[in-house]
Every structure is written in C-alpha cells, then in structure tokens.
Amino acid sequence: MKKIKKPNIKILVCCHKPGEWINDDIYMPIQCGKALSNVDLAIQGDDTGDNISAKNRNYAELTAMYWAWKNMKNVDYIGLCHYRRYFDFHNQSYGFEAYIERPISSIQDFEYSIPDTFLSQIEKGHIIVASPFIVNTCLYLNYCYYHISDDLRVLEDVLRKRNDIYYKSFLKLMWCNNRFFPCNMFLMSFVEYDKYCTWLFDVLSEVESRLDISKYTSDQSRVFAYMAERLLTVYLYANVMKVKELSFVWFNNSNSPKRSWLRVKLSNFVSALSLLPMCLEYRRKKSVQNNI
C-alpha cells in the first residue's frame, strides 16, 4: 500500500526578545528584526537570504512573512502567530470574543497541535484567520483615529490607480464594515501565500516610497503592519476566499476585566448601527468612481 505523504506545515512564531515560546515540528520560532538587534535568541533569524529584516521597525511581523516567502522551500502550508498569541485549535479557552487572555506561566499547559478537521479544511482551500476585531465605527475612521490618516489616504490612492478588484473591495470594507482580522495571523497553503505576499509587498512597497515616516513615534512607525491587517481582510474578500475564523489565546499577565456574553453582543449590535452613515459615504464614493 502506498504511504500517504504527510503535508509539511510550518507556523512562524514571531519573537523579538527573550522569553518562552512553542517550538516543535510545526511551530518555528523566528527572530524578527534580527538585523537591528544586539540580542541573539538562538533561533532562526529573519536576516538571512533575501530579507527586509532592517525594516522591522516599520514592518513588524511582516519581516518574518517576507523571509518565509523568499527563503522557505518545500512547505505545503504556512501560518503565522506570535510568541504570546497562538490559535486555539482545540477551543481550550471557551471564549466568545476574538481572544482570551491567560497568564504567561500557563503557556506550556495548552494543546497546540492542528486537528485533522482543520487540516482537511485547509487542504480544501480554506484560510484560517484570527477571529475578527469588531470596532465601534467603520474601518476607515477607526484607522484614522488610531493611526496616521494621511497614510491611509496614500494607500487608498495606490489602490485607486491600480483600479482592480482590490480597490473596489477596499472601499466597501473600509467604509461599510467594522470587522478586520487582527495580528496578521493566518494559516493557508503556500501556493496561496505566494500569491498574497506578491500582492501585499508590492502594494506596501509603493506606499512606502510615498511616505516620510522618519519622525513617527515607535508605535506609529509600525505603519505597514497596521495596513497589512486591513489588507489581509481586503485580499480574502476580493478573492472570495473560504475563511475559517478562529479565536486565539493571548498569554500575558494583565488583569483585564472580562465582558459578559450579553455585553459583547450588545456592543457589537451598537457598533453595527454606527455603520449606516458610513455606508452612505461608500455609496457616494462608488458613484463618483463609476462616473470617472
């Protein structure tokens, strides 16, 4: 009987400082921004081969994404998580929000293997992403509130000049939607990953050439990682991808208050109502676009 080949799955675990993380045949720790660091974490760095490690202050976890895209071979499925954030494949958190918080000391107490049901789904073309963050207004205004609004306008202009399915999807999702897939976390086939990275880094490279971020704060300097969180949502929507949303566990020692199920649902309902005037703005933009 012919032996069935087991797929080669790698999930990048993005690390940037000493700590505890998961490391096995599937989970691959990678030091992000190693070209800028004086610390050697004794794991794979993102500074070998074709890389953008020196841009980590602006691209954050995307430098690991780029390294994997350009340098990893013979991988069937690829994913990304963080050394403090992991997909909850086994529903161990029993949560109803996008993520659940657990103390760092419990990181080794969780199960991180990928069940056959999920393997079957990704083999059929599904993309696993982190459960969406739901914000209290449309994604466009939310980005402008927390980040640099002019940057988003440049991104919009870059997509507008290309005038393809991604620009139309960008407008609809940014003005008439309040959900996005956070943390640039995913699990997909490497074939789809290659397509996504080809598009993503091409867009971000053009945006980068038009921005002056030399005086940004350390937080706002991560501009391209923030954009990528929105662009992942745009890419999946534009290509009508089959998506499986999965909550994640965030290991930290904070004591954030937990919201009840009713409070979460009520908050999401109110947020959805706030989208109505934004949808009218989307229709206006679409009308203008159609008349050009």
C-alpha atoms as a PDB file:
ATOM      1  CA  MET A   1       0.000   0.000   0.000  1.00  0.00           C
ATOM      2  CA  LYS A   2       1.322   3.418  -0.959  1.00  0.00           C
ATOM      3  CA  LYS A   3       2.162   5.544   2.055  1.00  0.00           C
ATOM      4  CA  ILE A   4       0.285   8.852   2.181  1.00  0.00           C
ATOM      5  CA  LYS A   5       2.696  11.752   2.371  1.00  0.00           C
ATOM      6  CA  LYS A   6       2.156  13.943   5.411  1.00  0.00           C
ATOM      7  CA  PRO A   7       1.919  17.632   4.466  1.00  0.00           C
ATOM      8  CA  ASN A   8       4.766  19.876   5.583  1.00  0.00           C
ATOM      9  CA  ILE A   9       3.211  22.574   7.787  1.00  0.00           C
ATOM     10  CA  LYS A  10       5.132  25.466   9.287  1.00  0.00           C
ATOM     11  CA  ILE A  11       3.694  28.135  11.565  1.00  0.00           C
ATOM     12  CA  LEU A  12       6.036  31.035  12.166  1.00  0.00           C
ATOM     13  CA  VAL A  13       6.237  32.114  15.805  1.00  0.00           C
ATOM     14  CA  CYS A  14       7.324  35.747  15.712  1.00  0.00           C
ATOM     15  CA  CYS A  15       9.741  36.602  18.525  1.00  0.00           C
ATOM     16  CA  HIS A  16      11.746  39.733  19.269  1.00  0.00           C
ATOM     17  CA  LYS A  17      13.037  39.307  22.826  1.00  0.00           C
ATOM     18  CA  PRO A  18      13.979  36.503  25.222  1.00  0.00           C
ATOM     19  CA  GLY A  19      11.033  34.538  26.525  1.00  0.00           C
ATOM     20  CA  GLU A  20       9.177  31.249  26.358  1.00  0.00           C
ATOM     21  CA  TRP A  21       7.573  30.060  23.139  1.00  0.00           C
ATOM     22  CA  ILE A  22       6.369  26.931  21.366  1.00  0.00           C
ATOM     23  CA  ASN A  23       8.935  25.137  19.229  1.00  0.00           C
ATOM     24  CA  ASP A  24       8.276  21.786  17.526  1.00  0.00           C
ATOM     25  CA  ASP A  25       7.976  20.213  14.065  1.00  0.00           C
ATOM     26  CA  ILE A  26       5.194  22.639  13.121  1.00  0.00           C
ATOM     27  CA  TYR A  27       5.862  25.767  15.159  1.00  0.00           C
ATOM     28  CA  MET A  28       9.000  27.557  14.009  1.00  0.00           C
ATOM     29  CA  PRO A  29      10.243  30.458  16.168  1.00  0.00           C
ATOM     30  CA  ILE A  30      11.817  33.254  14.150  1.00  0.00           C
ATOM     31  CA  GLN A  31      13.599  36.336  15.464  1.00  0.00           C
ATOM     32  CA  CYS A  32      12.034  39.381  13.857  1.00  0.00           C
ATOM     33  CA  GLY A  33      14.239  42.381  13.192  1.00  0.00           C
ATOM     34  CA  LYS A  34      17.416  40.458  13.961  1.00  0.00           C
ATOM     35  CA  ALA A  35      19.417  42.788  11.701  1.00  0.00           C
ATOM     36  CA  LEU A  36      18.598  45.600  14.156  1.00  0.00           C
ATOM     37  CA  SER A  37      19.098  43.666  17.386  1.00  0.00           C
ATOM     38  CA  ASN A  38      22.098  43.196  19.644  1.00  0.00           C
ATOM     39  CA  VAL A  39      20.466  40.075  21.085  1.00  0.00           C
ATOM     40  CA  ASP A  40      20.756  36.625  19.532  1.00  0.00           C
ATOM     41  CA  LEU A  41      17.778  34.473  20.538  1.00  0.00           C
ATOM     42  CA  ALA A  42      19.473  31.336  19.124  1.00  0.00           C
ATOM     43  CA  ILE A  43      16.573  30.677  16.736  1.00  0.00           C
ATOM     44  CA  GLN A  44      16.072  31.284  13.019  1.00  0.00           C
ATOM     45  CA  GLY A  45      16.549  34.952  12.168  1.00  0.00           C
ATOM     46  CA  ASP A  46      14.766  36.957   9.503  1.00  0.00           C
ATOM     47  CA  ASP A  47      18.102  38.422   8.339  1.00  0.00           C
ATOM     48  CA  THR A  48      19.384  35.614   6.080  1.00  0.00           C
ATOM     49  CA  GLY A  49      18.947  35.194   2.341  1.00  0.00           C
ATOM     50  CA  ASP A  50      16.545  37.603   0.671  1.00  0.00           C
ATOM     51  CA  ASN A  51      15.170  39.646   3.570  1.00  0.00           C
ATOM     52  CA  ILE A  52      13.864  43.002   4.837  1.00  0.00           C
ATOM     53  CA  SER A  53      14.922  42.470   8.454  1.00  0.00           C
ATOM     54  CA  ALA A  54      16.344  46.004   8.688  1.00  0.00           C
ATOM     55  CA  LYS A  55      12.818  47.369   8.083  1.00  0.00           C
ATOM     56  CA  ASN A  56      11.341  45.624  11.118  1.00  0.00           C
ATOM     57  CA  ARG A  57      10.526  48.875  12.945  1.00  0.00           C
ATOM     58  CA  ASN A  58       8.109  49.667  10.123  1.00  0.00           C
ATOM     59  CA  TYR A  59       7.005  46.192   9.043  1.00  0.00           C
ATOM     60  CA  ALA A  60       6.988  44.330  12.405  1.00  0.00           C
ATOM     61  CA  GLU A  61       5.970  40.675  11.903  1.00  0.00           C
ATOM     62  CA  LEU A  62       5.887  41.208   8.130  1.00  0.00           C
ATOM     63  CA  THR A  63       9.693  40.863   8.052  1.00  0.00           C
ATOM     64  CA  ALA A  64       9.188  37.236   9.135  1.00  0.00           C
ATOM     65  CA  MET A  65       6.482  36.829   6.499  1.00  0.00           C
ATOM     66  CA  TYR A  66       8.800  38.185   3.828  1.00  0.00           C
ATOM     67  CA  TRP A  67      11.688  35.940   4.906  1.00  0.00           C
ATOM     68  CA  ALA A  68       9.477  32.830   4.789  1.00  0.00           C
ATOM     69  CA  TRP A  69       8.085  33.836   1.396  1.00  0.00           C
ATOM     70  CA  LYS A  70      11.511  34.264  -0.153  1.00  0.00           C
ATOM     71  CA  ASN A  71      13.529  31.586   1.617  1.00  0.00           C
ATOM     72  CA  MET A  72      11.420  28.633   2.778  1.00  0.00           C
ATOM     73  CA  LYS A  73      11.218  25.661   0.440  1.00  0.00           C
ATOM     74  CA  ASN A  74       9.112  22.504   0.216  1.00  0.00           C
ATOM     75  CA  VAL A  75       6.429  23.837   2.552  1.00  0.00           C
ATOM     76  CA  ASP A  76       2.825  22.864   1.836  1.00  0.00           C
ATOM     77  CA  TYR A  77       1.044  25.070   4.363  1.00  0.00           C
ATOM     78  CA  ILE A  78       2.305  28.155   6.156  1.00  0.00           C
ATOM     79  CA  GLY A  79       0.970  30.143   9.076  1.00  0.00           C
ATOM     80  CA  LEU A  80       1.914  32.943  11.416  1.00  0.00           C
ATOM     81  CA  CYS A  81       1.356  33.552  15.102  1.00  0.00           C
ATOM     82  CA  HIS A  82       3.238  35.396  17.849  1.00  0.00           C
ATOM     83  CA  TYR A  83       5.225  34.197  20.818  1.00  0.00           C
ATOM     84  CA  ARG A  84       2.397  35.404  23.067  1.00  0.00           C
ATOM     85  CA  ARG A  85      -0.521  34.753  20.679  1.00  0.00           C
ATOM     86  CA  TYR A  86      -1.483  31.319  19.333  1.00  0.00           C
ATOM     87  CA  PHE A  87      -4.520  29.926  17.554  1.00  0.00           C
ATOM     88  CA  ASP A  88      -6.801  27.979  19.870  1.00  0.00           C
ATOM     89  CA  PHE A  89      -7.314  24.946  17.631  1.00  0.00           C
ATOM     90  CA  HIS A  90      -8.862  22.916  20.466  1.00  0.00           C
ATOM     91  CA  ASN A  91     -11.236  25.530  21.910  1.00  0.00           C
ATOM     92  CA  GLN A  92      -9.446  25.371  25.238  1.00  0.00           C
ATOM     93  CA  SER A  93     -10.266  28.967  26.100  1.00  0.00           C
ATOM     94  CA  TYR A  94     -14.060  28.511  25.838  1.00  0.00           C
ATOM     95  CA  GLY A  95     -14.344  32.153  24.915  1.00  0.00           C
ATOM     96  CA  PHE A  96     -16.863  34.070  22.816  1.00  0.00           C
ATOM     97  CA  GLU A  97     -14.582  37.003  21.946  1.00  0.00           C
ATOM     98  CA  ALA A  98     -11.765  37.197  19.411  1.00  0.00           C
ATOM     99  CA  TYR A  99      -9.232  36.193  22.033  1.00  0.00           C
ATOM    100  CA  ILE A 100      -8.919  35.091  25.620  1.00  0.00           C
ATOM    101  CA  GLU A 101      -6.139  36.137  27.979  1.00  0.00           C
ATOM    102  CA  ARG A 102      -4.146  33.643  30.025  1.00  0.00           C
ATOM    103  CA  PRO A 103      -1.099  34.095  32.306  1.00  0.00           C
ATOM    104  CA  ILE A 104       2.311  33.597  30.702  1.00  0.00           C
ATOM    105  CA  SER A 105       3.087  30.826  33.178  1.00  0.00           C
ATOM    106  CA  SER A 106       0.391  28.638  31.562  1.00  0.00           C
ATOM    107  CA  ILE A 107       1.841  28.717  28.036  1.00  0.00           C
ATOM    108  CA  GLN A 108       3.010  25.074  28.221  1.00  0.00           C
ATOM    109  CA  ASP A 109      -0.369  23.885  29.537  1.00  0.00           C
ATOM    110  CA  PHE A 110      -2.186  24.351  26.232  1.00  0.00           C
ATOM    111  CA  GLU A 111      -2.500  21.994  23.270  1.00  0.00           C
ATOM    112  CA  TYR A 112      -1.161  23.465  20.011  1.00  0.00           C
ATOM    113  CA  SER A 113      -1.499  20.570  17.556  1.00  0.00           C
ATOM    114  CA  ILE A 114      -3.670  21.023  14.469  1.00  0.00           C
ATOM    115  CA  PRO A 115      -6.705  18.683  14.467  1.00  0.00           C
ATOM    116  CA  ASP A 116      -7.468  16.672  11.337  1.00  0.00           C
ATOM    117  CA  THR A 117     -10.670  18.664  10.826  1.00  0.00           C
ATOM    118  CA  PHE A 118      -8.641  21.846  10.308  1.00  0.00           C
ATOM    119  CA  LEU A 119      -6.106  20.059   8.111  1.00  0.00           C
ATOM    120  CA  SER A 120      -8.971  18.865   5.941  1.00  0.00           C
ATOM    121  CA  GLN A 121     -10.306  22.398   5.644  1.00  0.00           C
ATOM    122  CA  ILE A 122      -7.016  23.987   4.584  1.00  0.00           C
ATOM    123  CA  GLU A 123      -6.452  21.137   2.114  1.00  0.00           C
ATOM    124  CA  LYS A 124      -9.763  22.184   0.546  1.00  0.00           C
ATOM    125  CA  GLY A 125      -8.598  25.777   0.211  1.00  0.00           C
ATOM    126  CA  HIS A 126      -9.868  27.355   3.416  1.00  0.00           C
ATOM    127  CA  ILE A 127      -7.827  30.122   5.022  1.00  0.00           C
ATOM    128  CA  ILE A 128      -7.663  30.089   8.815  1.00  0.00           C
ATOM    129  CA  VAL A 129      -7.553  33.582  10.317  1.00  0.00           C
ATOM    130  CA  ALA A 130      -7.882  35.099  13.773  1.00  0.00           C
ATOM    131  CA  SER A 131     -11.432  35.894  14.828  1.00  0.00           C
ATOM    132  CA  PRO A 132     -12.164  39.472  13.766  1.00  0.00           C
ATOM    133  CA  PHE A 133     -11.817  42.523  15.943  1.00  0.00           C
ATOM    134  CA  ILE A 134     -15.074  44.473  15.873  1.00  0.00           C
ATOM    135  CA  VAL A 135     -14.588  48.228  16.186  1.00  0.00           C
ATOM    136  CA  ASN A 136     -17.139  50.923  17.034  1.00  0.00           C
ATOM    137  CA  THR A 137     -17.140  52.621  13.632  1.00  0.00           C
ATOM    138  CA  CYS A 138     -16.123  51.785  10.070  1.00  0.00           C
ATOM    139  CA  LEU A 139     -12.571  50.555   9.479  1.00  0.00           C
ATOM    140  CA  TYR A 140     -11.612  53.729   7.630  1.00  0.00           C
ATOM    141  CA  LEU A 141     -12.410  56.075  10.505  1.00  0.00           C
ATOM    142  CA  ASN A 142     -11.073  53.599  13.052  1.00  0.00           C
ATOM    143  CA  TYR A 143      -7.696  53.574  11.300  1.00  0.00           C
ATOM    144  CA  CYS A 144      -7.658  57.371  11.065  1.00  0.00           C
ATOM    145  CA  TYR A 145      -8.394  57.643  14.779  1.00  0.00           C
ATOM    146  CA  TYR A 146      -5.637  55.305  15.976  1.00  0.00           C
ATOM    147  CA  HIS A 147      -3.026  55.866  13.256  1.00  0.00           C
ATOM    148  CA  ILE A 148      -1.936  58.478  10.694  1.00  0.00           C
ATOM    149  CA  SER A 149      -4.882  59.305   8.450  1.00  0.00           C
ATOM    150  CA  ASP A 150      -2.707  60.616   5.610  1.00  0.00           C
ATOM    151  CA  ASP A 151      -1.027  57.210   5.367  1.00  0.00           C
ATOM    152  CA  LEU A 152      -4.370  55.557   4.731  1.00  0.00           C
ATOM    153  CA  ARG A 153      -5.161  58.089   2.021  1.00  0.00           C
ATOM    154  CA  VAL A 154      -1.888  57.220   0.300  1.00  0.00           C
ATOM    155  CA  LEU A 155      -2.757  53.519   0.475  1.00  0.00           C
ATOM    156  CA  GLU A 156      -6.184  54.272  -0.958  1.00  0.00           C
ATOM    157  CA  ASP A 157      -4.627  56.281  -3.783  1.00  0.00           C
ATOM    158  CA  VAL A 158      -2.183  53.472  -4.614  1.00  0.00           C
ATOM    159  CA  LEU A 159      -5.062  51.012  -4.875  1.00  0.00           C
ATOM    160  CA  ARG A 160      -7.235  53.517  -6.771  1.00  0.00           C
ATOM    161  CA  LYS A 161      -4.631  53.961  -9.509  1.00  0.00           C
ATOM    162  CA  ARG A 162      -4.478  50.210  -9.967  1.00  0.00           C
ATOM    163  CA  ASN A 163      -8.269  50.225 -10.258  1.00  0.00           C
ATOM    164  CA  ASP A 164      -8.709  46.476  -9.829  1.00  0.00           C
ATOM    165  CA  ILE A 165     -10.846  44.234  -7.623  1.00  0.00           C
ATOM    166  CA  TYR A 166      -8.791  45.188  -4.595  1.00  0.00           C
ATOM    167  CA  TYR A 167      -9.644  48.880  -4.783  1.00  0.00           C
ATOM    168  CA  LYS A 168     -13.358  48.155  -5.004  1.00  0.00           C
ATOM    169  CA  SER A 169     -13.106  45.725  -2.097  1.00  0.00           C
ATOM    170  CA  PHE A 170     -11.016  48.214  -0.116  1.00  0.00           C
ATOM    171  CA  LEU A 171     -13.675  50.912  -0.433  1.00  0.00           C
ATOM    172  CA  LYS A 172     -16.508  48.610   0.559  1.00  0.00           C
ATOM    173  CA  LEU A 173     -14.721  47.037   3.506  1.00  0.00           C
ATOM    174  CA  MET A 174     -13.170  50.224   4.857  1.00  0.00           C
ATOM    175  CA  TRP A 175     -16.342  52.326   4.669  1.00  0.00           C
ATOM    176  CA  CYS A 176     -19.127  49.787   5.143  1.00  0.00           C
ATOM    177  CA  ASN A 177     -17.628  47.282   7.554  1.00  0.00           C
ATOM    178  CA  ASN A 178     -16.307  47.270  11.122  1.00  0.00           C
ATOM    179  CA  ARG A 179     -14.511  43.900  11.260  1.00  0.00           C
ATOM    180  CA  PHE A 180     -10.915  43.027  10.410  1.00  0.00           C
ATOM    181  CA  PHE A 181      -8.705  40.021  11.007  1.00  0.00           C
ATOM    182  CA  PRO A 182      -6.057  41.095  13.554  1.00  0.00           C
ATOM    183  CA  CYS A 183      -2.390  40.434  14.244  1.00  0.00           C
ATOM    184  CA  ASN A 184      -1.619  39.240  10.687  1.00  0.00           C
ATOM    185  CA  MET A 185      -2.309  35.709  11.909  1.00  0.00           C
ATOM    186  CA  PHE A 186      -3.270  33.054   9.357  1.00  0.00           C
ATOM    187  CA  LEU A 187      -2.784  29.507   8.115  1.00  0.00           C
ATOM    188  CA  MET A 188      -3.018  28.860   4.364  1.00  0.00           C
ATOM    189  CA  SER A 189      -1.475  26.874   1.536  1.00  0.00           C
ATOM    190  CA  PHE A 190       1.960  28.073   0.446  1.00  0.00           C
ATOM    191  CA  VAL A 191       0.601  28.467  -3.084  1.00  0.00           C
ATOM    192  CA  GLU A 192      -1.966  30.995  -1.838  1.00  0.00           C
ATOM    193  CA  TYR A 193       0.647  32.545   0.461  1.00  0.00           C
ATOM    194  CA  ASP A 194       2.876  33.219  -2.530  1.00  0.00           C
ATOM    195  CA  LYS A 195       0.013  34.991  -4.316  1.00  0.00           C
ATOM    196  CA  TYR A 196      -0.872  37.011  -1.226  1.00  0.00           C
ATOM    197  CA  CYS A 197       2.708  38.083  -0.496  1.00  0.00           C
ATOM    198  CA  THR A 198       3.311  39.018  -4.127  1.00  0.00           C
ATOM    199  CA  TRP A 199       0.351  41.395  -3.992  1.00  0.00           C
ATOM    200  CA  LEU A 200       0.839  42.622  -0.413  1.00  0.00           C
ATOM    201  CA  PHE A 201       4.502  43.557  -0.574  1.00  0.00           C
ATOM    202  CA  ASP A 202       4.100  45.136  -3.993  1.00  0.00           C
ATOM    203  CA  VAL A 203       1.373  47.427  -2.632  1.00  0.00           C
ATOM    204  CA  LEU A 204       3.248  48.223   0.587  1.00  0.00           C
ATOM    205  CA  SER A 205       6.472  48.934  -1.290  1.00  0.00           C
ATOM    206  CA  GLU A 206       4.704  51.554  -3.399  1.00  0.00           C
ATOM    207  CA  VAL A 207       3.092  53.097  -0.331  1.00  0.00           C
ATOM    208  CA  GLU A 208       6.463  53.143   1.445  1.00  0.00           C
ATOM    209  CA  SER A 209       8.048  55.056  -1.443  1.00  0.00           C
ATOM    210  CA  ARG A 210       5.492  57.838  -0.948  1.00  0.00           C
ATOM    211  CA  LEU A 211       5.646  58.214   2.840  1.00  0.00           C
ATOM    212  CA  ASP A 212       8.043  60.079   5.093  1.00  0.00           C
ATOM    213  CA  ILE A 213       7.900  58.233   8.411  1.00  0.00           C
ATOM    214  CA  SER A 214      11.238  59.468   9.757  1.00  0.00           C
ATOM    215  CA  LYS A 215       9.585  61.384  12.624  1.00  0.00           C
ATOM    216  CA  TYR A 216       6.916  58.863  13.586  1.00  0.00           C
ATOM    217  CA  THR A 217       6.696  57.535  17.138  1.00  0.00           C
ATOM    218  CA  SER A 218       7.856  53.966  17.698  1.00  0.00           C
ATOM    219  CA  ASP A 219       4.232  52.802  17.718  1.00  0.00           C
ATOM    220  CA  GLN A 220       3.134  54.637  14.555  1.00  0.00           C
ATOM    221  CA  SER A 221       6.340  53.556  12.804  1.00  0.00           C
ATOM    222  CA  ARG A 222       4.784  50.075  12.514  1.00  0.00           C
ATOM    223  CA  VAL A 223       2.574  51.546   9.811  1.00  0.00           C
ATOM    224  CA  PHE A 224       2.916  48.756   7.240  1.00  0.00           C
ATOM    225  CA  ALA A 225       1.986  46.050   9.739  1.00  0.00           C
ATOM    226  CA  TYR A 226      -1.148  48.034  10.636  1.00  0.00           C
ATOM    227  CA  MET A 227      -2.023  48.381   6.964  1.00  0.00           C
ATOM    228  CA  ALA A 228      -1.443  44.672   6.385  1.00  0.00           C
ATOM    229  CA  GLU A 229      -4.048  43.766   8.999  1.00  0.00           C
ATOM    230  CA  ARG A 230      -6.634  45.585   6.893  1.00  0.00           C
ATOM    231  CA  LEU A 231      -5.209  44.391   3.585  1.00  0.00           C
ATOM    232  CA  LEU A 232      -5.455  40.733   4.598  1.00  0.00           C
ATOM    233  CA  THR A 233      -9.186  41.271   5.036  1.00  0.00           C
ATOM    234  CA  VAL A 234      -9.338  43.033   1.652  1.00  0.00           C
ATOM    235  CA  TYR A 235      -7.418  40.245  -0.091  1.00  0.00           C
ATOM    236  CA  LEU A 236      -9.650  37.486   1.266  1.00  0.00           C
ATOM    237  CA  TYR A 237     -12.840  39.382   0.409  1.00  0.00           C
ATOM    238  CA  ALA A 238     -11.719  40.386  -3.089  1.00  0.00           C
ATOM    239  CA  ASN A 239     -10.779  36.824  -3.980  1.00  0.00           C
ATOM    240  CA  VAL A 240     -13.904  35.325  -2.382  1.00  0.00           C
ATOM    241  CA  MET A 241     -11.765  33.049  -0.234  1.00  0.00           C
ATOM    242  CA  LYS A 242     -13.256  30.444   2.081  1.00  0.00           C
ATOM    243  CA  VAL A 243     -12.386  31.609   5.578  1.00  0.00           C
ATOM    244  CA  LYS A 244     -12.395  29.846   8.933  1.00  0.00           C
ATOM    245  CA  GLU A 245     -12.329  32.286  11.859  1.00  0.00           C
ATOM    246  CA  LEU A 246     -10.581  31.009  14.962  1.00  0.00           C
ATOM    247  CA  SER A 247     -10.122  32.628  18.356  1.00  0.00           C
ATOM    248  CA  PHE A 248      -6.633  32.892  19.799  1.00  0.00           C
ATOM    249  CA  VAL A 249      -5.031  32.794  23.211  1.00  0.00           C
ATOM    250  CA  TRP A 250      -3.022  35.813  24.322  1.00  0.00           C
ATOM    251  CA  PHE A 251      -0.559  34.985  27.071  1.00  0.00           C
ATOM    252  CA  ASN A 252       0.120  37.969  29.286  1.00  0.00           C
ATOM    253  CA  ASN A 253      -0.062  38.904  32.935  1.00  0.00           C
ATOM    254  CA  SER A 254      -2.649  41.675  32.700  1.00  0.00           C
ATOM    255  CA  ASN A 255      -5.904  41.554  34.610  1.00  0.00           C
ATOM    256  CA  SER A 256      -8.263  42.949  32.004  1.00  0.00           C
ATOM    257  CA  PRO A 257     -11.926  42.795  33.065  1.00  0.00           C
ATOM    258  CA  LYS A 258     -13.923  40.097  31.288  1.00  0.00           C
ATOM    259  CA  ARG A 259     -17.106  41.100  29.467  1.00  0.00           C
ATOM    260  CA  SER A 260     -20.290  39.053  29.657  1.00  0.00           C
ATOM    261  CA  TRP A 261     -21.744  37.392  26.544  1.00  0.00           C
ATOM    262  CA  LEU A 262     -24.681  39.828  26.581  1.00  0.00           C
ATOM    263  CA  ARG A 263     -22.428  42.866  26.844  1.00  0.00           C
ATOM    264  CA  VAL A 264     -20.307  41.669  23.928  1.00  0.00           C
ATOM    265  CA  LYS A 265     -23.354  41.080  21.720  1.00  0.00           C
ATOM    266  CA  LEU A 266     -24.921  44.419  22.659  1.00  0.00           C
ATOM    267  CA  SER A 267     -21.664  46.251  21.943  1.00  0.00           C
ATOM    268  CA  ASN A 268     -21.396  44.562  18.538  1.00  0.00           C
ATOM    269  CA  PHE A 269     -25.008  45.495  17.713  1.00  0.00           C
ATOM    270  CA  VAL A 270     -24.470  49.162  18.569  1.00  0.00           C
ATOM    271  CA  SER A 271     -21.262  49.164  16.527  1.00  0.00           C
ATOM    272  CA  ALA A 272     -23.145  47.769  13.550  1.00  0.00           C
ATOM    273  CA  LEU A 273     -25.710  50.577  13.758  1.00  0.00           C
ATOM    274  CA  SER A 274     -22.932  53.157  13.564  1.00  0.00           C
ATOM    275  CA  LEU A 275     -22.080  51.845  10.094  1.00  0.00           C
ATOM    276  CA  LEU A 276     -25.247  53.190   8.469  1.00  0.00           C
ATOM    277  CA  PRO A 277     -23.973  56.721   7.706  1.00  0.00           C
ATOM    278  CA  MET A 278     -20.622  55.253   6.628  1.00  0.00           C
ATOM    279  CA  CYS A 279     -22.370  53.026   4.094  1.00  0.00           C
ATOM    280  CA  LEU A 280     -23.919  56.126   2.584  1.00  0.00           C
ATOM    281  CA  GLU A 281     -20.415  57.586   2.197  1.00  0.00           C
ATOM    282  CA  TYR A 282     -19.318  54.358   0.499  1.00  0.00           C
ATOM    283  CA  ARG A 283     -22.197  54.619  -1.973  1.00  0.00           C
ATOM    284  CA  ARG A 284     -21.200  58.212  -2.708  1.00  0.00           C
ATOM    285  CA  LYS A 285     -17.593  57.177  -3.387  1.00  0.00           C
ATOM    286  CA  LYS A 286     -18.738  54.306  -5.557  1.00  0.00           C
ATOM    287  CA  SER A 287     -20.975  56.657  -7.545  1.00  0.00           C
ATOM    288  CA  VAL A 288     -18.087  59.055  -8.103  1.00  0.00           C
ATOM    289  CA  GLN A 289     -15.849  56.161  -9.180  1.00  0.00           C
ATOM    290  CA  ASN A 290     -18.421  54.926 -11.697  1.00  0.00           C
ATOM    291  CA  ASN A 291     -18.649  58.389 -13.261  1.00  0.00           C
ATOM    292  CA  ILE A 292     -14.904  58.745 -13.809  1.00  0.00           C
END
